[in-house]
Amino acid sequence: MSAVLDNAMIAAHKAHDSSALIQLYTKAADTANDLDASCFYLTHAYVFALEAGAPDARRLHARLVRHGREA
């Protein structure tokens, strides 16, 4: 993960910005070097989406299911 993305995540956590956290963790998943790392970030994005009641939760869940990480 790039330092820019990492710093943006830290700032979003500090600001309790759920929308940014969903977007940033999804971006981290999309740019991860391996499937395990990608699914780690997807899981975080999914949890933030569930907590926020965001429509992204469905899409994120589907991605986790495709990778065998969620039933």
C-alpha atoms as a PDB file:
ATOM      1  CA  MET A   1       0.000   0.000   0.000  1.00  0.00           C
ATOM      2  CA  SER A   2       1.266   3.447  -0.796  1.00  0.00           C
ATOM      3  CA  ALA A   3       2.131   5.946   1.892  1.00  0.00           C
ATOM      4  CA  VAL A   4      -0.464   8.315   0.441  1.00  0.00           C
ATOM      5  CA  LEU A   5      -3.215   5.716   0.784  1.00  0.00           C
ATOM      6  CA  ASP A   6      -2.022   4.765   4.266  1.00  0.00           C
ATOM      7  CA  ASN A   7      -2.048   8.396   5.399  1.00  0.00           C
ATOM      8  CA  ALA A   8      -5.511   8.911   3.916  1.00  0.00           C
ATOM      9  CA  MET A   9      -6.767   5.883   5.854  1.00  0.00           C
ATOM     10  CA  ILE A  10      -5.318   7.203   9.082  1.00  0.00           C
ATOM     11  CA  ALA A  11      -6.942  10.589   8.510  1.00  0.00           C
ATOM     12  CA  ALA A  12     -10.299   8.961   7.702  1.00  0.00           C
ATOM     13  CA  HIS A  13     -10.120   6.887  10.899  1.00  0.00           C
ATOM     14  CA  LYS A  14      -9.350   9.988  12.949  1.00  0.00           C
ATOM     15  CA  ALA A  15     -12.265  11.838  11.324  1.00  0.00           C
ATOM     16  CA  HIS A  16     -14.630   8.846  11.695  1.00  0.00           C
ATOM     17  CA  ASP A  17     -15.404   9.265   7.984  1.00  0.00           C
ATOM     18  CA  SER A  18     -17.173   6.035   7.053  1.00  0.00           C
ATOM     19  CA  SER A  19     -17.600   6.936   3.396  1.00  0.00           C
ATOM     20  CA  ALA A  20     -13.899   7.622   2.999  1.00  0.00           C
ATOM     21  CA  LEU A  21     -12.986   4.463   4.902  1.00  0.00           C
ATOM     22  CA  ILE A  22     -15.135   2.330   2.599  1.00  0.00           C
ATOM     23  CA  GLN A  23     -13.623   3.940  -0.462  1.00  0.00           C
ATOM     24  CA  LEU A  24     -10.032   3.789   0.789  1.00  0.00           C
ATOM     25  CA  TYR A  25     -10.164   0.185   1.975  1.00  0.00           C
ATOM     26  CA  THR A  26     -11.785  -0.803  -1.318  1.00  0.00           C
ATOM     27  CA  LYS A  27      -8.983   0.951  -3.187  1.00  0.00           C
ATOM     28  CA  ALA A  28      -6.419  -0.846  -1.037  1.00  0.00           C
ATOM     29  CA  ALA A  29      -8.108  -4.151  -1.900  1.00  0.00           C
ATOM     30  CA  ASP A  30      -8.067  -3.285  -5.585  1.00  0.00           C
ATOM     31  CA  THR A  31      -4.344  -2.503  -5.524  1.00  0.00           C
ATOM     32  CA  ALA A  32      -3.132  -5.216  -3.128  1.00  0.00           C
ATOM     33  CA  ASN A  33      -0.351  -7.514  -4.319  1.00  0.00           C
ATOM     34  CA  ASP A  34      -2.047 -10.779  -3.374  1.00  0.00           C
ATOM     35  CA  LEU A  35      -5.467 -12.253  -2.717  1.00  0.00           C
ATOM     36  CA  ASP A  36      -5.054 -12.538   1.053  1.00  0.00           C
ATOM     37  CA  ALA A  37      -4.145  -8.876   1.367  1.00  0.00           C
ATOM     38  CA  SER A  38      -6.947  -7.903  -0.980  1.00  0.00           C
ATOM     39  CA  CYS A  39      -9.498  -9.836   1.062  1.00  0.00           C
ATOM     40  CA  PHE A  40      -8.139  -8.345   4.288  1.00  0.00           C
ATOM     41  CA  TYR A  41      -8.893  -4.858   2.978  1.00  0.00           C
ATOM     42  CA  LEU A  42     -12.205  -5.954   1.455  1.00  0.00           C
ATOM     43  CA  THR A  43     -13.301  -7.293   4.827  1.00  0.00           C
ATOM     44  CA  HIS A  44     -12.574  -3.949   6.438  1.00  0.00           C
ATOM     45  CA  ALA A  45     -14.409  -2.068   3.696  1.00  0.00           C
ATOM     46  CA  TYR A  46     -17.340  -4.454   4.090  1.00  0.00           C
ATOM     47  CA  VAL A  47     -17.523  -3.967   7.869  1.00  0.00           C
ATOM     48  CA  PHE A  48     -17.417  -0.182   7.514  1.00  0.00           C
ATOM     49  CA  ALA A  49     -20.144  -0.382   4.857  1.00  0.00           C
ATOM     50  CA  LEU A  50     -22.321  -2.537   7.107  1.00  0.00           C
ATOM     51  CA  GLU A  51     -21.839  -0.174  10.037  1.00  0.00           C
ATOM     52  CA  ALA A  52     -22.744   2.815   7.870  1.00  0.00           C
ATOM     53  CA  GLY A  53     -25.684   1.094   6.191  1.00  0.00           C
ATOM     54  CA  ALA A  54     -24.009   1.864   2.875  1.00  0.00           C
ATOM     55  CA  PRO A  55     -25.239   0.213  -0.325  1.00  0.00           C
ATOM     56  CA  ASP A  56     -21.604  -0.748  -1.057  1.00  0.00           C
ATOM     57  CA  ALA A  57     -21.963  -3.574   1.476  1.00  0.00           C
ATOM     58  CA  ARG A  58     -23.733  -5.788  -1.047  1.00  0.00           C
ATOM     59  CA  ARG A  59     -21.043  -5.411  -3.693  1.00  0.00           C
ATOM     60  CA  LEU A  60     -18.244  -5.899  -1.187  1.00  0.00           C
ATOM     61  CA  HIS A  61     -19.912  -9.000   0.211  1.00  0.00           C
ATOM     62  CA  ALA A  62     -20.253 -10.423  -3.297  1.00  0.00           C
ATOM     63  CA  ARG A  63     -16.525  -9.932  -3.860  1.00  0.00           C
ATOM     64  CA  LEU A  64     -15.700 -11.744  -0.623  1.00  0.00           C
ATOM     65  CA  VAL A  65     -18.000 -14.615  -1.589  1.00  0.00           C
ATOM     66  CA  ARG A  66     -16.318 -14.880  -5.006  1.00  0.00           C
ATOM     67  CA  HIS A  67     -12.992 -15.329  -3.235  1.00  0.00           C
ATOM     68  CA  GLY A  68     -14.369 -17.936  -0.823  1.00  0.00           C
ATOM     69  CA  ARG A  69     -14.015 -15.630   2.185  1.00  0.00           C
ATOM     70  CA  GLU A  70     -17.666 -15.279   3.090  1.00  0.00           C
ATOM     71  CA  ALA A  71     -20.643 -17.615   2.844  1.00  0.00           C
END
